[in-house]
Amino acid sequence: MRTHLVMPHGRDMGPASATYLIRIDGHLGSTLLSAFPALAWERQGPDTVLTGVLDQSGLYGVLAEIEALGLDLLEVRRLGL
């Protein structure tokens, strides 16, 4: 597990977490969805949308998994800006 420093008064020096929406082409089955246990999913039209809170390392890990599985990435959006 990755660790990071915490400054006095609770200010975090580590990578900031944010909520991300990740859109993948097609409907993913339960086997492929199990590769993303930390993310919620829903089907929107012909696509599967994953959402969840990720730090930078976690986001890169999810993107690497999408690539490794040969999935077609359509969109990555940081929510709440």
PDB file of N, CA and C in Angstrom:
ATOM      1  N   MET A   1       0.841  -1.175   0.000  1.00  0.00           N
ATOM      2  CA  MET A   1       0.000   0.000   0.000  1.00  0.00           C
ATOM      3  C   MET A   1       0.884   1.235   0.000  1.00  0.00           C
ATOM      4  N   ARG A   2       0.515   2.215  -0.758  1.00  0.00           N
ATOM      5  CA  ARG A   2       1.283   3.447  -0.868  1.00  0.00           C
ATOM      6  C   ARG A   2       1.033   4.325   0.352  1.00  0.00           C
ATOM      7  N   THR A   3       2.099   4.905   0.874  1.00  0.00           N
ATOM      8  CA  THR A   3       1.962   5.809   2.010  1.00  0.00           C
ATOM      9  C   THR A   3       2.324   7.216   1.575  1.00  0.00           C
ATOM     10  N   HIS A   4       1.907   8.204   2.359  1.00  0.00           N
ATOM     11  CA  HIS A   4       2.262   9.586   2.070  1.00  0.00           C
ATOM     12  C   HIS A   4       2.316  10.360   3.369  1.00  0.00           C
ATOM     13  N   LEU A   5       2.983  11.503   3.317  1.00  0.00           N
ATOM     14  CA  LEU A   5       3.176  12.321   4.503  1.00  0.00           C
ATOM     15  C   LEU A   5       1.931  13.131   4.805  1.00  0.00           C
ATOM     16  N   VAL A   6       1.709  13.359   6.086  1.00  0.00           N
ATOM     17  CA  VAL A   6       0.620  14.221   6.514  1.00  0.00           C
ATOM     18  C   VAL A   6       1.226  15.358   7.311  1.00  0.00           C
ATOM     19  N   MET A   7       0.902  16.582   6.924  1.00  0.00           N
ATOM     20  CA  MET A   7       1.415  17.759   7.612  1.00  0.00           C
ATOM     21  C   MET A   7       0.543  18.043   8.831  1.00  0.00           C
ATOM     22  N   PRO A   8       1.047  18.871   9.762  1.00  0.00           N
ATOM     23  CA  PRO A   8       0.222  19.289  10.897  1.00  0.00           C
ATOM     24  C   PRO A   8      -1.089  19.909  10.410  1.00  0.00           C
ATOM     25  N   HIS A   9      -2.092  19.844  11.220  1.00  0.00           N
ATOM     26  CA  HIS A   9      -3.424  20.365  10.931  1.00  0.00           C
ATOM     27  C   HIS A   9      -4.125  19.556   9.844  1.00  0.00           C
ATOM     28  N   GLY A  10      -3.658  18.311   9.587  1.00  0.00           N
ATOM     29  CA  GLY A  10      -4.341  17.427   8.664  1.00  0.00           C
ATOM     30  C   GLY A  10      -4.126  17.723   7.197  1.00  0.00           C
ATOM     31  N   ARG A  11      -3.206  18.628   6.870  1.00  0.00           N
ATOM     32  CA  ARG A  11      -2.955  18.918   5.456  1.00  0.00           C
ATOM     33  C   ARG A  11      -2.126  17.800   4.856  1.00  0.00           C
ATOM     34  N   ASP A  12      -2.604  17.250   3.787  1.00  0.00           N
ATOM     35  CA  ASP A  12      -2.019  16.073   3.154  1.00  0.00           C
ATOM     36  C   ASP A  12      -1.007  16.504   2.092  1.00  0.00           C
ATOM     37  N   MET A  13       0.212  15.922   2.141  1.00  0.00           N
ATOM     38  CA  MET A  13       1.218  16.225   1.129  1.00  0.00           C
ATOM     39  C   MET A  13       1.211  15.198   0.004  1.00  0.00           C
ATOM     40  N   GLY A  14       0.428  14.155   0.132  1.00  0.00           N
ATOM     41  CA  GLY A  14       0.392  13.098  -0.874  1.00  0.00           C
ATOM     42  C   GLY A  14      -0.473  13.486  -2.052  1.00  0.00           C
ATOM     43  N   PRO A  15      -0.586  12.573  -3.011  1.00  0.00           N
ATOM     44  CA  PRO A  15      -1.394  12.857  -4.192  1.00  0.00           C
ATOM     45  C   PRO A  15      -2.862  13.020  -3.821  1.00  0.00           C
ATOM     46  N   ALA A  16      -3.496  14.015  -4.406  1.00  0.00           N
ATOM     47  CA  ALA A  16      -4.897  14.292  -4.105  1.00  0.00           C
ATOM     48  C   ALA A  16      -5.796  13.262  -4.776  1.00  0.00           C
ATOM     49  N   SER A  17      -6.835  12.895  -4.066  1.00  0.00           N
ATOM     50  CA  SER A  17      -7.835  11.996  -4.629  1.00  0.00           C
ATOM     51  C   SER A  17      -8.954  12.819  -5.242  1.00  0.00           C
ATOM     52  N   ALA A  18      -9.588  12.262  -6.239  1.00  0.00           N
ATOM     53  CA  ALA A  18     -10.715  12.913  -6.889  1.00  0.00           C
ATOM     54  C   ALA A  18     -11.645  11.824  -7.411  1.00  0.00           C
ATOM     55  N   THR A  19     -12.865  12.218  -7.709  1.00  0.00           N
ATOM     56  CA  THR A  19     -13.819  11.293  -8.307  1.00  0.00           C
ATOM     57  C   THR A  19     -13.664  11.350  -9.821  1.00  0.00           C
ATOM     58  N   TYR A  20     -13.533  10.178 -10.421  1.00  0.00           N
ATOM     59  CA  TYR A  20     -13.345  10.077 -11.870  1.00  0.00           C
ATOM     60  C   TYR A  20     -14.464   9.273 -12.507  1.00  0.00           C
ATOM     61  N   LEU A  21     -14.830   9.675 -13.714  1.00  0.00           N
ATOM     62  CA  LEU A  21     -15.736   8.933 -14.571  1.00  0.00           C
ATOM     63  C   LEU A  21     -14.895   8.390 -15.721  1.00  0.00           C
ATOM     64  N   ILE A  22     -15.004   7.092 -15.963  1.00  0.00           N
ATOM     65  CA  ILE A  22     -14.229   6.431 -17.014  1.00  0.00           C
ATOM     66  C   ILE A  22     -15.209   5.670 -17.896  1.00  0.00           C
ATOM     67  N   ARG A  23     -15.287   6.080 -19.167  1.00  0.00           N
ATOM     68  CA  ARG A  23     -16.239   5.473 -20.108  1.00  0.00           C
ATOM     69  C   ARG A  23     -15.501   4.496 -21.021  1.00  0.00           C
ATOM     70  N   ILE A  24     -16.038   3.279 -21.103  1.00  0.00           N
ATOM     71  CA  ILE A  24     -15.456   2.210 -21.911  1.00  0.00           C
ATOM     72  C   ILE A  24     -16.494   1.761 -22.933  1.00  0.00           C
ATOM     73  N   ASP A  25     -16.041   1.517 -24.150  1.00  0.00           N
ATOM     74  CA  ASP A  25     -16.923   1.070 -25.223  1.00  0.00           C
ATOM     75  C   ASP A  25     -17.438  -0.342 -24.943  1.00  0.00           C
ATOM     76  N   GLY A  26     -18.744  -0.519 -25.080  1.00  0.00           N
ATOM     77  CA  GLY A  26     -19.347  -1.841 -24.934  1.00  0.00           C
ATOM     78  C   GLY A  26     -19.838  -2.124 -23.525  1.00  0.00           C
ATOM     79  N   HIS A  27     -20.573  -3.208 -23.399  1.00  0.00           N
ATOM     80  CA  HIS A  27     -21.071  -3.667 -22.098  1.00  0.00           C
ATOM     81  C   HIS A  27     -20.096  -4.691 -21.541  1.00  0.00           C
ATOM     82  N   LEU A  28     -19.488  -4.387 -20.403  1.00  0.00           N
ATOM     83  CA  LEU A  28     -18.554  -5.316 -19.770  1.00  0.00           C
ATOM     84  C   LEU A  28     -19.327  -6.347 -18.965  1.00  0.00           C
ATOM     85  N   GLY A  29     -18.913  -7.593 -19.062  1.00  0.00           N
ATOM     86  CA  GLY A  29     -19.510  -8.665 -18.276  1.00  0.00           C
ATOM     87  C   GLY A  29     -18.915  -8.712 -16.877  1.00  0.00           C
ATOM     88  N   SER A  30     -19.428  -9.604 -16.061  1.00  0.00           N
ATOM     89  CA  SER A  30     -19.002  -9.684 -14.661  1.00  0.00           C
ATOM     90  C   SER A  30     -17.523 -10.019 -14.514  1.00  0.00           C
ATOM     91  N   THR A  31     -16.972 -10.810 -15.419  1.00  0.00           N
ATOM     92  CA  THR A  31     -15.550 -11.159 -15.328  1.00  0.00           C
ATOM     93  C   THR A  31     -14.680  -9.930 -15.525  1.00  0.00           C
ATOM     94  N   LEU A  32     -14.967  -9.130 -16.551  1.00  0.00           N
ATOM     95  CA  LEU A  32     -14.184  -7.915 -16.781  1.00  0.00           C
ATOM     96  C   LEU A  32     -14.422  -6.882 -15.687  1.00  0.00           C
ATOM     97  N   LEU A  33     -15.650  -6.748 -15.231  1.00  0.00           N
ATOM     98  CA  LEU A  33     -15.938  -5.789 -14.162  1.00  0.00           C
ATOM     99  C   LEU A  33     -15.213  -6.143 -12.870  1.00  0.00           C
ATOM    100  N   SER A  34     -14.938  -7.417 -12.650  1.00  0.00           N
ATOM    101  CA  SER A  34     -14.231  -7.824 -11.428  1.00  0.00           C
ATOM    102  C   SER A  34     -12.792  -7.311 -11.406  1.00  0.00           C
ATOM    103  N   ALA A  35     -12.280  -6.844 -12.537  1.00  0.00           N
ATOM    104  CA  ALA A  35     -10.941  -6.255 -12.585  1.00  0.00           C
ATOM    105  C   ALA A  35     -10.915  -4.860 -11.965  1.00  0.00           C
ATOM    106  N   PHE A  36     -12.084  -4.299 -11.664  1.00  0.00           N
ATOM    107  CA  PHE A  36     -12.188  -2.942 -11.129  1.00  0.00           C
ATOM    108  C   PHE A  36     -13.036  -2.928  -9.852  1.00  0.00           C
ATOM    109  N   PRO A  37     -12.605  -3.637  -8.802  1.00  0.00           N
ATOM    110  CA  PRO A  37     -13.447  -3.793  -7.611  1.00  0.00           C
ATOM    111  C   PRO A  37     -13.698  -2.499  -6.837  1.00  0.00           C
ATOM    112  N   ALA A  38     -12.837  -1.514  -6.984  1.00  0.00           N
ATOM    113  CA  ALA A  38     -12.995  -0.273  -6.227  1.00  0.00           C
ATOM    114  C   ALA A  38     -13.925   0.719  -6.917  1.00  0.00           C
ATOM    115  N   LEU A  39     -14.413   0.373  -8.100  1.00  0.00           N
ATOM    116  CA  LEU A  39     -15.218   1.310  -8.877  1.00  0.00           C
ATOM    117  C   LEU A  39     -16.654   0.825  -9.013  1.00  0.00           C
ATOM    118  N   ALA A  40     -17.581   1.783  -8.980  1.00  0.00           N
ATOM    119  CA  ALA A  40     -18.979   1.490  -9.282  1.00  0.00           C
ATOM    120  C   ALA A  40     -19.127   1.494 -10.800  1.00  0.00           C
ATOM    121  N   TRP A  41     -20.130   0.786 -11.298  1.00  0.00           N
ATOM    122  CA  TRP A  41     -20.321   0.745 -12.741  1.00  0.00           C
ATOM    123  C   TRP A  41     -21.796   0.853 -13.078  1.00  0.00           C
ATOM    124  N   GLU A  42     -22.048   1.327 -14.296  1.00  0.00           N
ATOM    125  CA  GLU A  42     -23.403   1.338 -14.844  1.00  0.00           C
ATOM    126  C   GLU A  42     -23.304   1.329 -16.361  1.00  0.00           C
ATOM    127  N   ARG A  43     -24.341   0.839 -16.979  1.00  0.00           N
ATOM    128  CA  ARG A  43     -24.410   0.844 -18.437  1.00  0.00           C
ATOM    129  C   ARG A  43     -25.134   2.108 -18.865  1.00  0.00           C
ATOM    130  N   GLN A  44     -24.533   2.812 -19.808  1.00  0.00           N
ATOM    131  CA  GLN A  44     -25.156   4.006 -20.386  1.00  0.00           C
ATOM    132  C   GLN A  44     -25.146   3.830 -21.897  1.00  0.00           C
ATOM    133  N   GLY A  45     -26.315   3.539 -22.454  1.00  0.00           N
ATOM    134  CA  GLY A  45     -26.387   3.257 -23.887  1.00  0.00           C
ATOM    135  C   GLY A  45     -25.502   2.064 -24.210  1.00  0.00           C
ATOM    136  N   PRO A  46     -24.636   2.205 -25.205  1.00  0.00           N
ATOM    137  CA  PRO A  46     -23.780   1.085 -25.595  1.00  0.00           C
ATOM    138  C   PRO A  46     -22.502   0.969 -24.766  1.00  0.00           C
ATOM    139  N   ASP A  47     -22.317   1.849 -23.790  1.00  0.00           N
ATOM    140  CA  ASP A  47     -21.057   1.933 -23.046  1.00  0.00           C
ATOM    141  C   ASP A  47     -21.201   1.459 -21.608  1.00  0.00           C
ATOM    142  N   THR A  48     -20.058   1.183 -20.986  1.00  0.00           N
ATOM    143  CA  THR A  48     -19.980   0.937 -19.552  1.00  0.00           C
ATOM    144  C   THR A  48     -19.247   2.115 -18.931  1.00  0.00           C
ATOM    145  N   VAL A  49     -19.813   2.673 -17.864  1.00  0.00           N
ATOM    146  CA  VAL A  49     -19.208   3.813 -17.184  1.00  0.00           C
ATOM    147  C   VAL A  49     -18.790   3.378 -15.787  1.00  0.00           C
ATOM    148  N   LEU A  50     -17.516   3.568 -15.484  1.00  0.00           N
ATOM    149  CA  LEU A  50     -16.963   3.288 -14.164  1.00  0.00           C
ATOM    150  C   LEU A  50     -16.783   4.609 -13.437  1.00  0.00           C
ATOM    151  N   THR A  51     -17.119   4.653 -12.145  1.00  0.00           N
ATOM    152  CA  THR A  51     -16.884   5.856 -11.352  1.00  0.00           C
ATOM    153  C   THR A  51     -16.324   5.461 -10.000  1.00  0.00           C
ATOM    154  N   GLY A  52     -15.480   6.342  -9.465  1.00  0.00           N
ATOM    155  CA  GLY A  52     -14.933   6.100  -8.142  1.00  0.00           C
ATOM    156  C   GLY A  52     -13.901   7.135  -7.771  1.00  0.00           C
ATOM    157  N   VAL A  53     -13.521   7.112  -6.508  1.00  0.00           N
ATOM    158  CA  VAL A  53     -12.507   8.025  -5.986  1.00  0.00           C
ATOM    159  C   VAL A  53     -11.149   7.364  -6.144  1.00  0.00           C
ATOM    160  N   LEU A  54     -10.246   8.058  -6.841  1.00  0.00           N
ATOM    161  CA  LEU A  54      -8.910   7.540  -7.112  1.00  0.00           C
ATOM    162  C   LEU A  54      -7.874   8.632  -6.895  1.00  0.00           C
ATOM    163  N   ASP A  55      -6.705   8.247  -6.395  1.00  0.00           N
ATOM    164  CA  ASP A  55      -5.580   9.172  -6.427  1.00  0.00           C
ATOM    165  C   ASP A  55      -4.885   8.977  -7.773  1.00  0.00           C
ATOM    166  N   GLN A  56      -3.820   9.740  -8.017  1.00  0.00           N
ATOM    167  CA  GLN A  56      -3.158   9.672  -9.319  1.00  0.00           C
ATOM    168  C   GLN A  56      -2.643   8.267  -9.624  1.00  0.00           C
ATOM    169  N   SER A  57      -2.048   7.628  -8.638  1.00  0.00           N
ATOM    170  CA  SER A  57      -1.533   6.275  -8.819  1.00  0.00           C
ATOM    171  C   SER A  57      -2.661   5.296  -9.146  1.00  0.00           C
ATOM    172  N   GLY A  58      -3.765   5.415  -8.436  1.00  0.00           N
ATOM    173  CA  GLY A  58      -4.913   4.549  -8.682  1.00  0.00           C
ATOM    174  C   GLY A  58      -5.497   4.751 -10.071  1.00  0.00           C
ATOM    175  N   LEU A  59      -5.562   6.017 -10.511  1.00  0.00           N
ATOM    176  CA  LEU A  59      -6.070   6.306 -11.853  1.00  0.00           C
ATOM    177  C   LEU A  59      -5.189   5.659 -12.911  1.00  0.00           C
ATOM    178  N   TYR A  60      -3.874   5.824 -12.772  1.00  0.00           N
ATOM    179  CA  TYR A  60      -2.962   5.209 -13.741  1.00  0.00           C
ATOM    180  C   TYR A  60      -3.077   3.686 -13.717  1.00  0.00           C
ATOM    181  N   GLY A  61      -3.303   3.114 -12.548  1.00  0.00           N
ATOM    182  CA  GLY A  61      -3.480   1.668 -12.450  1.00  0.00           C
ATOM    183  C   GLY A  61      -4.723   1.192 -13.186  1.00  0.00           C
ATOM    184  N   VAL A  62      -5.821   1.919 -13.032  1.00  0.00           N
ATOM    185  CA  VAL A  62      -7.059   1.561 -13.737  1.00  0.00           C
ATOM    186  C   VAL A  62      -6.863   1.691 -15.246  1.00  0.00           C
ATOM    187  N   LEU A  63      -6.219   2.770 -15.679  1.00  0.00           N
ATOM    188  CA  LEU A  63      -5.982   2.955 -17.116  1.00  0.00           C
ATOM    189  C   LEU A  63      -5.085   1.859 -17.677  1.00  0.00           C
ATOM    190  N   ALA A  64      -4.081   1.451 -16.911  1.00  0.00           N
ATOM    191  CA  ALA A  64      -3.200   0.361 -17.351  1.00  0.00           C
ATOM    192  C   ALA A  64      -3.972  -0.951 -17.460  1.00  0.00           C
ATOM    193  N   GLU A  65      -4.885  -1.194 -16.524  1.00  0.00           N
ATOM    194  CA  GLU A  65      -5.702  -2.415 -16.562  1.00  0.00           C
ATOM    195  C   GLU A  65      -6.631  -2.407 -17.779  1.00  0.00           C
ATOM    196  N   ILE A  66      -7.211  -1.256 -18.082  1.00  0.00           N
ATOM    197  CA  ILE A  66      -8.067  -1.137 -19.265  1.00  0.00           C
ATOM    198  C   ILE A  66      -7.269  -1.468 -20.519  1.00  0.00           C
ATOM    199  N   GLU A  67      -6.061  -0.933 -20.601  1.00  0.00           N
ATOM    200  CA  GLU A  67      -5.201  -1.222 -21.759  1.00  0.00           C
ATOM    201  C   GLU A  67      -4.820  -2.700 -21.812  1.00  0.00           C
ATOM    202  N   ALA A  68      -4.438  -3.263 -20.671  1.00  0.00           N
ATOM    203  CA  ALA A  68      -4.011  -4.668 -20.627  1.00  0.00           C
ATOM    204  C   ALA A  68      -5.138  -5.615 -21.037  1.00  0.00           C
ATOM    205  N   LEU A  69      -6.368  -5.245 -20.737  1.00  0.00           N
ATOM    206  CA  LEU A  69      -7.516  -6.077 -21.091  1.00  0.00           C
ATOM    207  C   LEU A  69      -7.986  -5.848 -22.530  1.00  0.00           C
ATOM    208  N   GLY A  70      -7.367  -4.902 -23.209  1.00  0.00           N
ATOM    209  CA  GLY A  70      -7.730  -4.630 -24.600  1.00  0.00           C
ATOM    210  C   GLY A  70      -9.060  -3.922 -24.760  1.00  0.00           C
ATOM    211  N   LEU A  71      -9.474  -3.173 -23.729  1.00  0.00           N
ATOM    212  CA  LEU A  71     -10.747  -2.463 -23.791  1.00  0.00           C
ATOM    213  C   LEU A  71     -10.563  -1.125 -24.495  1.00  0.00           C
ATOM    214  N   ASP A  72     -11.630  -0.630 -25.118  1.00  0.00           N
ATOM    215  CA  ASP A  72     -11.587   0.652 -25.821  1.00  0.00           C
ATOM    216  C   ASP A  72     -12.017   1.769 -24.881  1.00  0.00           C
ATOM    217  N   LEU A  73     -11.060   2.585 -24.471  1.00  0.00           N
ATOM    218  CA  LEU A  73     -11.301   3.722 -23.584  1.00  0.00           C
ATOM    219  C   LEU A  73     -11.875   4.867 -24.402  1.00  0.00           C
ATOM    220  N   LEU A  74     -13.020   5.385 -23.983  1.00  0.00           N
ATOM    221  CA  LEU A  74     -13.668   6.476 -24.701  1.00  0.00           C
ATOM    222  C   LEU A  74     -13.503   7.819 -24.012  1.00  0.00           C
ATOM    223  N   GLU A  75     -13.475   7.813 -22.661  1.00  0.00           N
ATOM    224  CA  GLU A  75     -13.469   9.082 -21.936  1.00  0.00           C
ATOM    225  C   GLU A  75     -12.947   8.872 -20.525  1.00  0.00           C
ATOM    226  N   VAL A  76     -12.176   9.852 -20.059  1.00  0.00           N
ATOM    227  CA  VAL A  76     -11.799   9.949 -18.649  1.00  0.00           C
ATOM    228  C   VAL A  76     -12.103  11.380 -18.233  1.00  0.00           C
ATOM    229  N   ARG A  77     -12.894  11.542 -17.176  1.00  0.00           N
ATOM    230  CA  ARG A  77     -13.266  12.879 -16.734  1.00  0.00           C
ATOM    231  C   ARG A  77     -13.172  12.975 -15.216  1.00  0.00           C
ATOM    232  N   ARG A  78     -12.522  14.019 -14.747  1.00  0.00           N
ATOM    233  CA  ARG A  78     -12.478  14.301 -13.311  1.00  0.00           C
ATOM    234  C   ARG A  78     -13.744  15.070 -12.960  1.00  0.00           C
ATOM    235  N   LEU A  79     -14.490  14.568 -11.997  1.00  0.00           N
ATOM    236  CA  LEU A  79     -15.762  15.178 -11.621  1.00  0.00           C
ATOM    237  C   LEU A  79     -15.578  16.152 -10.466  1.00  0.00           C
ATOM    238  N   GLY A  80     -16.501  17.085 -10.359  1.00  0.00           N
ATOM    239  CA  GLY A  80     -16.529  17.975  -9.215  1.00  0.00           C
ATOM    240  C   GLY A  80     -15.578  19.144  -9.276  1.00  0.00           C
ATOM    241  N   LEU A  81     -15.141  19.527 -10.453  1.00  0.00           N
ATOM    242  CA  LEU A  81     -14.251  20.692 -10.559  1.00  0.00           C
ATOM    243  C   LEU A  81     -15.041  21.954 -10.698  1.00  0.00           C
TER     244      LEU A  81
END
